[in-house]
Amino acid sequence: MESEDKGRKLNWKRAIAVLGCSRSHFYNLVNSGRLPAIRTGEVKGVRVYEADCQEYLRQRATSRCQD
């Protein structure tokens, strides 16, 4: 299964710790589609895979090196 390959699901608090960003920046990443997320409720309940956070950080580091 794909979800098993991506590791554990993180809530926003754990995700911002991994990403090293603010809560608002995290939600901007999710809402823009740059960070894939799973919504588990209408108002609250956004989860992201740890592997997606790591991939975002890798892409960000690569783009900085190319500048």
Protein backbone atom coordinates (compact mmCIF):
# COMPACT_ATOMS: atom_id res chain seq x y z
CA MET A 1 0.00 0.00 0.00
CA GLU A 2 1.15 3.51 -0.75
CA SER A 3 0.37 4.92 2.71
CA GLU A 4 2.61 2.33 4.38
CA ASP A 5 5.51 3.34 2.13
CA LYS A 6 5.30 6.98 3.24
CA GLY A 7 5.71 6.29 6.94
CA ARG A 8 3.75 7.84 9.74
CA LYS A 9 1.13 10.56 9.51
CA LEU A 10 1.90 13.81 11.29
CA ASN A 11 -0.48 16.42 12.65
CA TRP A 12 0.34 20.10 12.09
CA LYS A 13 2.32 20.42 15.33
CA ARG A 14 4.64 17.55 14.49
CA ALA A 15 4.86 18.59 10.84
CA ILE A 16 6.01 22.14 11.64
CA ALA A 17 8.67 20.68 13.93
CA VAL A 18 9.98 18.55 11.05
CA LEU A 19 9.71 21.37 8.51
CA GLY A 20 11.00 24.09 10.81
CA CYS A 21 8.26 26.52 9.81
CA SER A 22 5.31 28.36 11.31
CA ARG A 23 1.76 27.05 11.51
CA SER A 24 0.56 29.57 8.92
CA HIS A 25 3.33 28.60 6.49
CA PHE A 26 2.44 24.93 6.95
CA TYR A 27 -1.18 25.64 6.05
CA ASN A 28 -0.06 27.74 3.07
CA LEU A 29 1.96 24.76 1.81
CA VAL A 30 -1.02 22.44 2.25
CA ASN A 31 -3.55 24.80 0.68
CA SER A 32 -1.29 25.53 -2.31
CA GLY A 33 -0.75 21.81 -2.93
CA ARG A 34 3.01 21.95 -2.42
CA LEU A 35 2.62 19.61 0.56
CA PRO A 36 0.13 16.76 0.04
CA ALA A 37 -2.29 16.39 2.94
CA ILE A 38 -5.13 14.22 4.13
CA ARG A 39 -8.12 15.96 5.67
CA THR A 40 -9.74 13.90 8.40
CA GLY A 41 -12.50 16.37 9.26
CA GLU A 42 -14.31 19.42 7.93
CA VAL A 43 -12.72 21.96 10.25
CA LYS A 44 -9.78 20.24 11.94
CA GLY A 45 -7.81 17.17 11.15
CA VAL A 46 -5.08 17.78 8.57
CA ARG A 47 -2.42 15.08 8.42
CA VAL A 48 0.68 14.85 6.25
CA TYR A 49 3.05 11.97 5.74
CA GLU A 50 6.50 12.35 7.22
CA ALA A 51 8.00 11.23 3.91
CA ASP A 52 6.20 14.08 2.10
CA CYS A 53 7.69 16.56 4.58
CA GLN A 54 11.17 15.14 3.99
CA GLU A 55 10.66 15.27 0.21
CA TYR A 56 9.56 18.91 0.42
CA LEU A 57 12.70 19.73 2.40
CA ARG A 58 14.89 17.91 -0.16
CA GLN A 59 13.30 19.80 -3.05
CA ARG A 60 13.69 23.09 -1.21
CA ALA A 61 17.37 22.41 -0.49
CA THR A 62 17.99 21.41 -4.12
CA SER A 63 16.35 24.57 -5.47
CA ARG A 64 18.46 26.71 -3.11
CA CYS A 65 21.65 25.02 -4.29
CA GLN A 66 20.80 25.73 -7.92
CA ASP A 67 20.31 29.48 -7.31
